[in-house]
N, C-alpha and C. Protein backbone atom coordinates (compact mmCIF):
# COMPACT_ATOMS: atom_id res chain seq x y z
N MET A 1 19.50 -8.54 -1.32
CA MET A 1 18.62 -8.99 -0.24
C MET A 1 17.18 -8.56 -0.54
N SER A 2 16.24 -9.47 -0.37
CA SER A 2 14.84 -9.17 -0.64
C SER A 2 14.29 -8.22 0.42
N PRO A 3 13.42 -7.29 0.03
CA PRO A 3 12.83 -6.37 1.00
C PRO A 3 11.94 -7.12 1.99
N THR A 4 11.93 -6.65 3.21
CA THR A 4 11.11 -7.25 4.26
C THR A 4 10.48 -6.16 5.11
N ILE A 5 9.53 -6.54 5.95
CA ILE A 5 8.93 -5.64 6.92
C ILE A 5 9.55 -5.93 8.28
N GLU A 6 10.22 -4.95 8.85
CA GLU A 6 10.70 -5.04 10.22
C GLU A 6 9.88 -4.07 11.06
N ALA A 7 9.74 -4.38 12.34
CA ALA A 7 8.92 -3.51 13.18
C ALA A 7 9.47 -3.48 14.60
N ILE A 8 9.23 -2.36 15.26
CA ILE A 8 9.48 -2.29 16.69
C ILE A 8 8.11 -2.25 17.37
N SER A 9 8.06 -2.77 18.58
CA SER A 9 6.78 -2.84 19.27
C SER A 9 6.89 -2.25 20.66
N ALA A 10 5.76 -1.84 21.18
CA ALA A 10 5.68 -1.34 22.55
C ALA A 10 4.51 -2.04 23.22
N MET A 11 4.80 -2.82 24.24
CA MET A 11 3.78 -3.52 25.00
C MET A 11 3.83 -3.01 26.44
N PRO A 12 3.04 -2.00 26.77
CA PRO A 12 3.10 -1.41 28.11
C PRO A 12 2.97 -2.45 29.21
N ASN A 13 3.86 -2.34 30.20
CA ASN A 13 3.86 -3.21 31.38
C ASN A 13 4.13 -4.68 31.05
N GLY A 14 4.51 -4.94 29.79
CA GLY A 14 4.82 -6.31 29.42
C GLY A 14 3.61 -7.23 29.40
N GLU A 15 2.41 -6.66 29.45
CA GLU A 15 1.20 -7.47 29.49
C GLU A 15 0.80 -7.94 28.09
N LYS A 16 0.09 -9.05 28.04
CA LYS A 16 -0.41 -9.53 26.77
C LYS A 16 -1.51 -8.60 26.29
N PRO A 17 -1.43 -8.08 25.07
CA PRO A 17 -2.41 -7.09 24.62
C PRO A 17 -3.77 -7.70 24.28
N THR A 18 -4.80 -6.89 24.42
CA THR A 18 -6.15 -7.23 23.99
C THR A 18 -6.45 -6.60 22.64
N TYR A 19 -5.80 -5.46 22.38
CA TYR A 19 -5.95 -4.73 21.13
C TYR A 19 -4.57 -4.37 20.59
N LEU A 20 -4.52 -4.06 19.30
CA LEU A 20 -3.27 -3.60 18.68
C LEU A 20 -3.52 -2.31 17.91
N LEU A 21 -2.48 -1.46 17.88
CA LEU A 21 -2.44 -0.31 16.97
C LEU A 21 -1.18 -0.44 16.14
N VAL A 22 -1.36 -0.43 14.83
CA VAL A 22 -0.24 -0.45 13.89
C VAL A 22 -0.16 0.93 13.25
N MET A 23 1.01 1.56 13.31
CA MET A 23 1.17 2.93 12.82
C MET A 23 2.26 2.98 11.76
N LEU A 24 1.92 3.43 10.55
CA LEU A 24 2.87 3.49 9.43
C LEU A 24 3.44 4.89 9.27
N HIS A 25 4.75 4.97 9.17
CA HIS A 25 5.42 6.27 8.99
C HIS A 25 5.31 6.75 7.55
N GLY A 26 5.74 7.99 7.34
CA GLY A 26 5.70 8.60 6.03
C GLY A 26 6.98 8.41 5.23
N TRP A 27 6.97 8.94 4.02
CA TRP A 27 8.08 8.83 3.06
C TRP A 27 9.31 9.56 3.60
N GLY A 28 10.41 8.85 3.72
CA GLY A 28 11.65 9.47 4.19
C GLY A 28 11.84 9.41 5.69
N ALA A 29 10.81 8.99 6.43
CA ALA A 29 10.95 8.78 7.88
C ALA A 29 11.29 7.31 8.12
N ASN A 30 11.14 6.85 9.34
CA ASN A 30 11.33 5.42 9.62
C ASN A 30 10.46 5.03 10.82
N TYR A 31 10.61 3.80 11.28
CA TYR A 31 9.68 3.28 12.30
C TYR A 31 9.81 3.92 13.67
N GLN A 32 10.82 4.77 13.86
CA GLN A 32 10.93 5.49 15.12
C GLN A 32 9.99 6.69 15.19
N ASP A 33 9.47 7.11 14.04
CA ASP A 33 8.79 8.39 13.93
C ASP A 33 7.57 8.52 14.84
N PHE A 34 6.79 7.45 14.97
CA PHE A 34 5.55 7.54 15.73
C PHE A 34 5.55 6.72 17.00
N VAL A 35 6.72 6.29 17.45
CA VAL A 35 6.80 5.57 18.72
C VAL A 35 6.19 6.38 19.87
N PRO A 36 6.35 7.72 19.91
CA PRO A 36 5.72 8.49 21.00
C PRO A 36 4.20 8.34 21.08
N PHE A 37 3.55 7.86 20.03
CA PHE A 37 2.11 7.67 20.05
C PHE A 37 1.70 6.71 21.16
N ALA A 38 2.54 5.73 21.47
CA ALA A 38 2.18 4.75 22.49
C ALA A 38 1.91 5.45 23.83
N LYS A 39 2.78 6.40 24.20
CA LYS A 39 2.60 7.13 25.46
C LYS A 39 1.51 8.18 25.34
N MET A 40 1.38 8.80 24.18
CA MET A 40 0.35 9.83 24.00
C MET A 40 -1.05 9.24 24.12
N LEU A 41 -1.26 8.09 23.52
CA LEU A 41 -2.59 7.46 23.55
C LEU A 41 -2.84 6.74 24.87
N ASN A 42 -1.84 5.99 25.31
CA ASN A 42 -1.89 5.35 26.63
C ASN A 42 -3.18 4.57 26.86
N PHE A 43 -3.55 3.76 25.89
CA PHE A 43 -4.77 2.95 26.01
C PHE A 43 -4.50 1.71 26.84
N PRO A 44 -5.39 1.37 27.74
CA PRO A 44 -5.23 0.13 28.49
C PRO A 44 -5.42 -1.09 27.59
N GLY A 45 -4.57 -2.08 27.76
CA GLY A 45 -4.73 -3.32 27.01
C GLY A 45 -4.25 -3.27 25.57
N PHE A 46 -3.56 -2.18 25.20
CA PHE A 46 -3.10 -2.05 23.82
C PHE A 46 -1.63 -2.42 23.67
N GLY A 47 -1.33 -3.10 22.56
CA GLY A 47 0.03 -3.26 22.09
C GLY A 47 0.21 -2.39 20.86
N TYR A 48 1.42 -1.89 20.63
CA TYR A 48 1.67 -0.95 19.54
C TYR A 48 2.78 -1.49 18.64
N PHE A 49 2.56 -1.43 17.35
CA PHE A 49 3.56 -1.87 16.38
C PHE A 49 3.87 -0.75 15.41
N PHE A 50 5.16 -0.56 15.14
CA PHE A 50 5.62 0.49 14.24
C PHE A 50 6.52 -0.14 13.18
N PRO A 51 5.96 -0.52 12.04
CA PRO A 51 6.76 -1.18 11.01
C PRO A 51 7.61 -0.21 10.20
N ASN A 52 8.74 -0.70 9.76
CA ASN A 52 9.62 0.05 8.88
C ASN A 52 9.23 -0.25 7.44
N ALA A 53 9.12 0.78 6.61
CA ALA A 53 8.89 0.55 5.19
C ALA A 53 10.05 -0.27 4.61
N PRO A 54 9.79 -1.09 3.61
CA PRO A 54 10.80 -2.05 3.16
C PRO A 54 11.93 -1.49 2.30
N PHE A 55 11.80 -0.25 1.81
CA PHE A 55 12.80 0.28 0.90
C PHE A 55 13.57 1.46 1.50
N GLU A 56 14.86 1.53 1.19
CA GLU A 56 15.65 2.69 1.58
C GLU A 56 15.18 3.90 0.79
N HIS A 57 15.14 5.05 1.46
CA HIS A 57 14.79 6.29 0.77
C HIS A 57 15.94 6.69 -0.13
N PHE A 58 15.62 7.18 -1.31
CA PHE A 58 16.65 7.48 -2.30
C PHE A 58 17.52 8.67 -1.92
N GLN A 59 17.10 9.44 -0.92
CA GLN A 59 17.78 10.71 -0.64
C GLN A 59 18.07 10.93 0.84
N VAL A 60 17.26 10.36 1.74
CA VAL A 60 17.38 10.63 3.17
C VAL A 60 18.13 9.50 3.88
N PRO A 61 19.31 9.77 4.44
CA PRO A 61 20.03 8.73 5.17
C PRO A 61 19.19 8.21 6.34
N GLY A 62 19.02 6.90 6.41
CA GLY A 62 18.21 6.31 7.47
C GLY A 62 16.72 6.35 7.21
N GLY A 63 16.31 7.06 6.16
CA GLY A 63 14.90 7.15 5.83
C GLY A 63 14.43 5.95 5.02
N ARG A 64 13.14 5.68 5.09
CA ARG A 64 12.55 4.54 4.39
C ARG A 64 11.39 5.00 3.51
N ALA A 65 11.02 4.15 2.57
CA ALA A 65 9.92 4.47 1.66
C ALA A 65 9.09 3.23 1.42
N TRP A 66 7.78 3.43 1.33
CA TRP A 66 6.88 2.34 0.98
C TRP A 66 6.90 2.09 -0.52
N TYR A 67 7.21 3.12 -1.28
CA TYR A 67 7.44 3.00 -2.72
C TYR A 67 8.07 4.29 -3.19
N ALA A 68 8.48 4.32 -4.46
CA ALA A 68 9.24 5.46 -4.99
C ALA A 68 8.32 6.58 -5.42
N LEU A 69 8.15 7.57 -4.56
CA LEU A 69 7.34 8.73 -4.92
C LEU A 69 8.04 9.62 -5.93
N GLU A 70 9.37 9.47 -6.02
CA GLU A 70 10.11 10.29 -6.98
C GLU A 70 9.91 9.80 -8.41
N GLU A 71 9.21 8.67 -8.58
CA GLU A 71 8.93 8.12 -9.90
C GLU A 71 7.42 8.07 -10.13
N ASN A 72 6.99 8.38 -11.33
CA ASN A 72 5.57 8.34 -11.65
C ASN A 72 5.00 6.93 -11.57
N GLU A 73 5.86 5.92 -11.73
CA GLU A 73 5.39 4.53 -11.76
C GLU A 73 5.15 3.97 -10.37
N PHE A 74 5.53 4.72 -9.30
CA PHE A 74 5.37 4.23 -7.92
C PHE A 74 6.03 2.86 -7.75
N THR A 75 7.26 2.75 -8.22
CA THR A 75 8.00 1.49 -8.13
C THR A 75 8.06 1.00 -6.69
N GLY A 76 7.73 -0.27 -6.50
CA GLY A 76 7.77 -0.86 -5.17
C GLY A 76 6.43 -0.98 -4.50
N LEU A 77 5.39 -0.33 -5.04
CA LEU A 77 4.08 -0.34 -4.40
C LEU A 77 3.52 -1.76 -4.28
N ALA A 78 3.57 -2.52 -5.36
CA ALA A 78 3.02 -3.88 -5.33
C ALA A 78 3.74 -4.74 -4.29
N THR A 79 5.05 -4.58 -4.21
CA THR A 79 5.83 -5.34 -3.23
C THR A 79 5.44 -4.96 -1.81
N SER A 80 5.33 -3.65 -1.55
CA SER A 80 4.96 -3.20 -0.21
C SER A 80 3.57 -3.66 0.18
N ARG A 81 2.64 -3.62 -0.77
CA ARG A 81 1.29 -4.11 -0.51
C ARG A 81 1.33 -5.56 -0.01
N LYS A 82 2.04 -6.39 -0.75
CA LYS A 82 2.08 -7.82 -0.41
C LYS A 82 2.77 -8.05 0.93
N LEU A 83 3.91 -7.38 1.13
CA LEU A 83 4.65 -7.55 2.38
C LEU A 83 3.83 -7.09 3.58
N LEU A 84 3.18 -5.94 3.43
CA LEU A 84 2.40 -5.38 4.53
C LEU A 84 1.19 -6.26 4.84
N LEU A 85 0.53 -6.73 3.80
CA LEU A 85 -0.63 -7.61 3.99
C LEU A 85 -0.23 -8.89 4.72
N ASN A 86 0.87 -9.50 4.28
CA ASN A 86 1.33 -10.74 4.92
C ASN A 86 1.74 -10.49 6.37
N TRP A 87 2.40 -9.37 6.62
CA TRP A 87 2.85 -9.05 7.98
C TRP A 87 1.67 -8.80 8.90
N LEU A 88 0.69 -8.03 8.42
CA LEU A 88 -0.49 -7.73 9.25
C LEU A 88 -1.26 -9.00 9.60
N THR A 89 -1.41 -9.88 8.64
CA THR A 89 -2.18 -11.09 8.89
C THR A 89 -1.41 -12.09 9.75
N SER A 90 -0.11 -11.86 9.93
CA SER A 90 0.69 -12.74 10.79
C SER A 90 0.66 -12.31 12.26
N LEU A 91 0.16 -11.11 12.53
CA LEU A 91 0.24 -10.58 13.89
C LEU A 91 -0.58 -11.37 14.90
N GLU A 92 -1.71 -11.92 14.46
CA GLU A 92 -2.54 -12.67 15.40
C GLU A 92 -1.78 -13.87 15.97
N ALA A 93 -0.98 -14.53 15.13
CA ALA A 93 -0.24 -15.70 15.59
C ALA A 93 0.79 -15.34 16.65
N SER A 94 1.38 -14.15 16.54
CA SER A 94 2.43 -13.75 17.50
C SER A 94 1.89 -13.01 18.71
N THR A 95 0.70 -12.41 18.59
CA THR A 95 0.17 -11.60 19.69
C THR A 95 -1.11 -12.15 20.31
N GLY A 96 -1.81 -13.00 19.56
CA GLY A 96 -3.11 -13.49 20.02
C GLY A 96 -4.24 -12.52 19.77
N VAL A 97 -3.96 -11.39 19.12
CA VAL A 97 -4.97 -10.36 18.86
C VAL A 97 -5.45 -10.48 17.41
N PRO A 98 -6.75 -10.70 17.19
CA PRO A 98 -7.26 -10.83 15.82
C PRO A 98 -7.35 -9.47 15.13
N LEU A 99 -7.53 -9.52 13.82
CA LEU A 99 -7.61 -8.29 13.04
C LEU A 99 -8.79 -7.42 13.46
N ASP A 100 -9.88 -8.03 13.91
CA ASP A 100 -11.04 -7.21 14.28
C ASP A 100 -10.87 -6.49 15.61
N ARG A 101 -9.69 -6.65 16.25
CA ARG A 101 -9.34 -5.84 17.41
C ARG A 101 -8.02 -5.10 17.15
N THR A 102 -7.74 -4.90 15.86
CA THR A 102 -6.52 -4.20 15.45
C THR A 102 -6.88 -2.92 14.71
N VAL A 103 -6.25 -1.82 15.10
CA VAL A 103 -6.43 -0.52 14.44
C VAL A 103 -5.17 -0.24 13.62
N MET A 104 -5.36 0.26 12.42
CA MET A 104 -4.24 0.62 11.54
C MET A 104 -4.31 2.10 11.23
N ALA A 105 -3.20 2.79 11.31
CA ALA A 105 -3.15 4.21 10.99
C ALA A 105 -1.83 4.51 10.29
N GLY A 106 -1.79 5.63 9.60
CA GLY A 106 -0.56 5.99 8.90
C GLY A 106 -0.52 7.47 8.60
N PHE A 107 0.70 7.97 8.41
CA PHE A 107 0.92 9.38 8.12
C PHE A 107 1.49 9.54 6.72
N SER A 108 0.92 10.45 5.93
CA SER A 108 1.41 10.80 4.60
C SER A 108 1.44 9.56 3.70
N GLN A 109 2.61 9.12 3.23
CA GLN A 109 2.66 7.91 2.41
C GLN A 109 2.16 6.70 3.20
N GLY A 110 2.42 6.71 4.52
CA GLY A 110 1.87 5.66 5.37
C GLY A 110 0.36 5.72 5.44
N GLY A 111 -0.20 6.93 5.35
CA GLY A 111 -1.65 7.08 5.29
C GLY A 111 -2.21 6.52 3.99
N ALA A 112 -1.48 6.73 2.91
CA ALA A 112 -1.89 6.18 1.61
C ALA A 112 -1.88 4.66 1.65
N MET A 113 -0.86 4.07 2.27
CA MET A 113 -0.81 2.61 2.39
C MET A 113 -1.95 2.10 3.27
N THR A 114 -2.31 2.87 4.30
CA THR A 114 -3.41 2.48 5.18
C THR A 114 -4.73 2.49 4.42
N LEU A 115 -4.96 3.49 3.58
CA LEU A 115 -6.19 3.56 2.79
C LEU A 115 -6.22 2.54 1.66
N ASP A 116 -5.12 1.90 1.43
CA ASP A 116 -5.00 0.86 0.41
C ASP A 116 -5.13 -0.51 1.07
N VAL A 117 -4.10 -0.93 1.78
CA VAL A 117 -4.08 -2.27 2.39
C VAL A 117 -5.11 -2.40 3.50
N GLY A 118 -5.26 -1.35 4.31
CA GLY A 118 -6.17 -1.42 5.46
C GLY A 118 -7.60 -1.68 5.08
N LEU A 119 -8.03 -1.18 3.92
CA LEU A 119 -9.41 -1.36 3.50
C LEU A 119 -9.69 -2.76 2.95
N THR A 120 -8.65 -3.57 2.78
CA THR A 120 -8.85 -4.94 2.30
C THR A 120 -8.97 -5.94 3.44
N LEU A 121 -8.81 -5.48 4.68
CA LEU A 121 -8.77 -6.38 5.83
C LEU A 121 -9.92 -6.08 6.80
N PRO A 122 -10.33 -7.07 7.59
CA PRO A 122 -11.42 -6.87 8.56
C PRO A 122 -10.92 -6.23 9.86
N LEU A 123 -10.32 -5.05 9.73
CA LEU A 123 -9.75 -4.35 10.89
C LEU A 123 -10.84 -3.67 11.70
N ALA A 124 -10.51 -3.33 12.94
CA ALA A 124 -11.46 -2.63 13.80
C ALA A 124 -11.71 -1.21 13.31
N ALA A 125 -10.66 -0.56 12.79
CA ALA A 125 -10.76 0.82 12.30
C ALA A 125 -9.45 1.17 11.63
N ILE A 126 -9.49 2.17 10.74
CA ILE A 126 -8.26 2.69 10.13
C ILE A 126 -8.31 4.21 10.11
N CYS A 127 -7.12 4.83 10.05
CA CYS A 127 -7.05 6.29 10.02
C CYS A 127 -5.88 6.74 9.16
N SER A 128 -6.13 7.71 8.31
CA SER A 128 -5.10 8.33 7.49
C SER A 128 -4.87 9.76 7.96
N PHE A 129 -3.63 10.04 8.38
CA PHE A 129 -3.21 11.40 8.72
C PHE A 129 -2.43 11.97 7.54
N SER A 130 -2.87 13.10 7.01
CA SER A 130 -2.14 13.78 5.93
C SER A 130 -1.85 12.86 4.75
N GLY A 131 -2.80 11.94 4.48
CA GLY A 131 -2.58 10.95 3.43
C GLY A 131 -3.28 11.30 2.12
N TYR A 132 -3.38 10.29 1.27
CA TYR A 132 -3.93 10.46 -0.08
C TYR A 132 -4.23 9.08 -0.66
N LEU A 133 -4.89 9.04 -1.79
CA LEU A 133 -5.12 7.78 -2.51
C LEU A 133 -4.10 7.63 -3.62
N HIS A 134 -3.49 6.46 -3.72
CA HIS A 134 -2.58 6.20 -4.83
C HIS A 134 -3.16 5.14 -5.77
N TYR A 135 -4.46 4.90 -5.66
CA TYR A 135 -5.14 3.94 -6.53
C TYR A 135 -6.58 4.40 -6.73
N GLN A 136 -7.27 3.79 -7.67
CA GLN A 136 -8.67 4.13 -7.91
C GLN A 136 -9.56 3.09 -7.25
N PRO A 137 -10.27 3.46 -6.17
CA PRO A 137 -11.14 2.49 -5.50
C PRO A 137 -12.28 2.03 -6.43
N GLU A 138 -12.64 0.76 -6.33
CA GLU A 138 -13.70 0.21 -7.15
C GLU A 138 -14.76 -0.45 -6.27
N PHE A 139 -16.00 -0.27 -6.65
CA PHE A 139 -17.11 -0.86 -5.90
C PHE A 139 -17.08 -2.37 -6.02
N GLN A 140 -17.35 -3.06 -4.90
CA GLN A 140 -17.43 -4.52 -4.90
C GLN A 140 -18.70 -4.93 -4.17
N ASP A 141 -19.46 -5.83 -4.77
CA ASP A 141 -20.69 -6.31 -4.15
C ASP A 141 -20.40 -6.99 -2.82
N ASN A 142 -21.23 -6.70 -1.82
CA ASN A 142 -21.17 -7.36 -0.51
C ASN A 142 -19.82 -7.16 0.21
N LYS A 143 -19.11 -6.11 -0.15
CA LYS A 143 -17.84 -5.82 0.49
C LYS A 143 -18.08 -4.91 1.69
N THR A 144 -17.53 -5.28 2.84
CA THR A 144 -17.62 -4.43 4.02
C THR A 144 -16.24 -3.86 4.33
N PHE A 145 -16.22 -2.65 4.82
CA PHE A 145 -14.97 -1.95 5.10
C PHE A 145 -14.90 -1.55 6.57
N PRO A 146 -13.71 -1.44 7.11
CA PRO A 146 -13.59 -0.94 8.48
C PRO A 146 -13.96 0.53 8.57
N PRO A 147 -14.46 1.00 9.73
CA PRO A 147 -14.68 2.43 9.92
C PRO A 147 -13.38 3.18 9.62
N THR A 148 -13.51 4.29 8.91
CA THR A 148 -12.34 4.98 8.38
C THR A 148 -12.36 6.46 8.77
N MET A 149 -11.22 6.94 9.24
CA MET A 149 -11.07 8.36 9.55
C MET A 149 -9.99 8.97 8.65
N ILE A 150 -10.27 10.16 8.14
CA ILE A 150 -9.27 10.93 7.38
C ILE A 150 -9.09 12.26 8.09
N ILE A 151 -7.86 12.53 8.50
CA ILE A 151 -7.50 13.78 9.18
C ILE A 151 -6.45 14.50 8.34
N HIS A 152 -6.66 15.80 8.11
CA HIS A 152 -5.74 16.51 7.23
C HIS A 152 -5.61 17.97 7.64
N GLY A 153 -4.45 18.53 7.38
CA GLY A 153 -4.21 19.93 7.66
C GLY A 153 -4.63 20.83 6.51
N GLN A 154 -5.36 21.88 6.83
CA GLN A 154 -5.80 22.81 5.80
C GLN A 154 -4.65 23.56 5.16
N GLN A 155 -3.51 23.62 5.87
CA GLN A 155 -2.35 24.35 5.36
C GLN A 155 -1.21 23.41 4.98
N ASP A 156 -1.55 22.17 4.66
CA ASP A 156 -0.53 21.17 4.32
C ASP A 156 0.15 21.54 3.00
N PRO A 157 1.47 21.83 3.02
CA PRO A 157 2.17 22.20 1.80
C PRO A 157 2.72 21.00 1.04
N VAL A 158 2.64 19.81 1.63
CA VAL A 158 3.22 18.60 1.03
C VAL A 158 2.16 17.78 0.31
N VAL A 159 1.10 17.45 1.04
CA VAL A 159 -0.05 16.76 0.45
C VAL A 159 -1.23 17.72 0.55
N PRO A 160 -1.62 18.35 -0.54
CA PRO A 160 -2.67 19.38 -0.49
C PRO A 160 -3.99 18.83 0.07
N ILE A 161 -4.75 19.70 0.68
CA ILE A 161 -6.03 19.33 1.28
C ILE A 161 -6.97 18.72 0.24
N GLU A 162 -6.80 19.09 -1.02
CA GLU A 162 -7.63 18.52 -2.09
C GLU A 162 -7.47 17.01 -2.19
N ALA A 163 -6.29 16.50 -1.83
CA ALA A 163 -6.06 15.05 -1.88
C ALA A 163 -6.90 14.33 -0.83
N ALA A 164 -7.05 14.96 0.32
CA ALA A 164 -7.88 14.37 1.38
C ALA A 164 -9.35 14.39 0.98
N LYS A 165 -9.79 15.50 0.40
CA LYS A 165 -11.19 15.61 -0.03
C LYS A 165 -11.50 14.59 -1.12
N LYS A 166 -10.55 14.40 -2.03
CA LYS A 166 -10.73 13.40 -3.09
C LYS A 166 -10.83 12.00 -2.49
N ALA A 167 -9.97 11.71 -1.53
CA ALA A 167 -10.01 10.40 -0.88
C ALA A 167 -11.36 10.17 -0.22
N GLN A 168 -11.85 11.18 0.49
CA GLN A 168 -13.16 11.07 1.13
C GLN A 168 -14.24 10.77 0.09
N ASP A 169 -14.26 11.52 -0.99
CA ASP A 169 -15.29 11.37 -2.01
C ASP A 169 -15.22 9.99 -2.66
N GLU A 170 -14.02 9.58 -3.07
CA GLU A 170 -13.87 8.33 -3.80
C GLU A 170 -14.19 7.13 -2.90
N LEU A 171 -13.80 7.17 -1.65
CA LEU A 171 -14.07 6.05 -0.75
C LEU A 171 -15.54 5.99 -0.36
N THR A 172 -16.14 7.15 -0.18
CA THR A 172 -17.57 7.18 0.15
C THR A 172 -18.40 6.58 -0.98
N LYS A 173 -17.98 6.82 -2.22
CA LYS A 173 -18.70 6.30 -3.39
C LYS A 173 -18.77 4.78 -3.40
N ILE A 174 -17.75 4.11 -2.86
CA ILE A 174 -17.74 2.64 -2.90
C ILE A 174 -18.26 2.03 -1.60
N GLY A 175 -18.77 2.88 -0.69
CA GLY A 175 -19.42 2.36 0.50
C GLY A 175 -18.60 2.38 1.77
N VAL A 176 -17.45 3.07 1.77
CA VAL A 176 -16.65 3.20 2.98
C VAL A 176 -17.28 4.26 3.88
N SER A 177 -17.43 3.96 5.17
CA SER A 177 -17.93 4.94 6.12
C SER A 177 -16.77 5.81 6.58
N VAL A 178 -16.72 7.04 6.07
CA VAL A 178 -15.58 7.93 6.30
C VAL A 178 -15.95 9.05 7.26
N GLN A 179 -15.18 9.17 8.33
CA GLN A 179 -15.26 10.33 9.21
C GLN A 179 -14.12 11.26 8.81
N TYR A 180 -14.46 12.45 8.35
CA TYR A 180 -13.46 13.36 7.77
C TYR A 180 -13.34 14.61 8.64
N GLN A 181 -12.09 15.02 8.89
CA GLN A 181 -11.89 16.21 9.72
C GLN A 181 -10.64 16.97 9.26
N GLU A 182 -10.80 18.27 9.08
CA GLU A 182 -9.68 19.15 8.77
C GLU A 182 -9.29 19.93 10.02
N PHE A 183 -7.99 20.24 10.12
CA PHE A 183 -7.48 21.07 11.20
C PHE A 183 -6.61 22.18 10.62
N MET A 184 -6.50 23.27 11.37
CA MET A 184 -5.60 24.35 10.97
C MET A 184 -4.17 23.95 11.32
N MET A 185 -3.56 23.17 10.44
CA MET A 185 -2.19 22.72 10.65
C MET A 185 -1.58 22.40 9.30
N GLY A 186 -0.28 22.15 9.29
CA GLY A 186 0.42 21.81 8.06
C GLY A 186 0.52 20.31 7.88
N HIS A 187 1.69 19.86 7.42
CA HIS A 187 1.94 18.42 7.21
C HIS A 187 2.46 17.85 8.52
N GLU A 188 1.54 17.59 9.43
CA GLU A 188 1.91 17.23 10.80
C GLU A 188 0.70 16.64 11.51
N VAL A 189 0.91 16.17 12.73
CA VAL A 189 -0.18 15.67 13.56
C VAL A 189 -0.13 16.41 14.89
N GLN A 190 -1.01 17.38 15.06
CA GLN A 190 -1.03 18.17 16.28
C GLN A 190 -1.96 17.54 17.32
N ASP A 191 -1.90 18.06 18.54
CA ASP A 191 -2.64 17.48 19.66
C ASP A 191 -4.15 17.34 19.40
N PRO A 192 -4.82 18.35 18.82
CA PRO A 192 -6.25 18.17 18.57
C PRO A 192 -6.55 16.99 17.65
N ALA A 193 -5.68 16.74 16.68
CA ALA A 193 -5.86 15.60 15.78
C ALA A 193 -5.67 14.29 16.53
N ILE A 194 -4.70 14.25 17.44
CA ILE A 194 -4.48 13.05 18.24
C ILE A 194 -5.68 12.79 19.14
N ALA A 195 -6.22 13.84 19.73
CA ALA A 195 -7.39 13.70 20.61
C ALA A 195 -8.59 13.14 19.84
N LEU A 196 -8.78 13.61 18.61
CA LEU A 196 -9.89 13.11 17.79
C LEU A 196 -9.68 11.65 17.42
N PHE A 197 -8.45 11.31 17.07
CA PHE A 197 -8.11 9.93 16.74
C PHE A 197 -8.35 9.02 17.94
N LYS A 198 -7.98 9.49 19.11
CA LYS A 198 -8.19 8.71 20.33
C LYS A 198 -9.68 8.45 20.55
N GLN A 199 -10.51 9.47 20.35
CA GLN A 199 -11.95 9.29 20.51
C GLN A 199 -12.50 8.33 19.47
N PHE A 200 -11.99 8.43 18.25
CA PHE A 200 -12.40 7.54 17.16
C PHE A 200 -12.14 6.08 17.52
N ILE A 201 -10.98 5.81 18.10
CA ILE A 201 -10.65 4.44 18.51
C ILE A 201 -11.59 3.99 19.63
N GLN A 202 -11.79 4.84 20.61
CA GLN A 202 -12.69 4.49 21.71
C GLN A 202 -14.09 4.19 21.23
N ASP A 203 -14.58 4.99 20.29
CA ASP A 203 -15.94 4.82 19.79
C ASP A 203 -16.09 3.49 19.02
N ASN A 204 -15.06 3.11 18.29
CA ASN A 204 -15.19 1.94 17.42
C ASN A 204 -14.76 0.63 18.08
N LEU A 205 -14.02 0.72 19.18
CA LEU A 205 -13.67 -0.48 19.92
C LEU A 205 -14.49 -0.64 21.18
N ASN A 206 -15.37 0.33 21.42
CA ASN A 206 -16.34 0.24 22.53
C ASN A 206 -15.69 0.00 23.88
N PHE A 207 -14.71 0.81 24.21
CA PHE A 207 -14.14 0.78 25.55
C PHE A 207 -13.87 2.20 25.99
N ASN A 208 -13.68 2.41 27.29
CA ASN A 208 -13.42 3.74 27.82
C ASN A 208 -12.02 3.82 28.39
């Protein structure tokens, strides 16, 4: 069976959304991982989508992977890029919400996918939690990027803080507007990080 993107959604009060938030889980987790974000953020007029990575995790029962981190070749990355890009661009047809009112965020490997695919689209904003770069960004003439936030734990034992600093440096070099913030936390998303992310969304979508 060919890999696909499946997703669960949360549409508060069953209303038609004005904005969307797409949240990508990390390596070995699945699309249930960040469903609580919908209630934590509680934005008016927002619909929330939580896609499942297309590949089974090689070791974790029920876990998913965007690509094989256990291999140096990152097997599956090209497939996930294409699937995720196609899925994201299809959301407007099903929700009525355009990409410029859609926010994309991800955690760990999901953060890496966000800093990859998200920067190729005219999204309202993107955010990487505990993420990293899995590619070398290249400068492109007349290319515009969505506002970008990188949030990372100073005590992260899984993705070292140096990976976040490198991502900030490399993306800034090609013209990405990066808001960077470290917190005293590990490989996780604590309340202060969520509060900052919430403010970031409010600032870039111009609503209260």
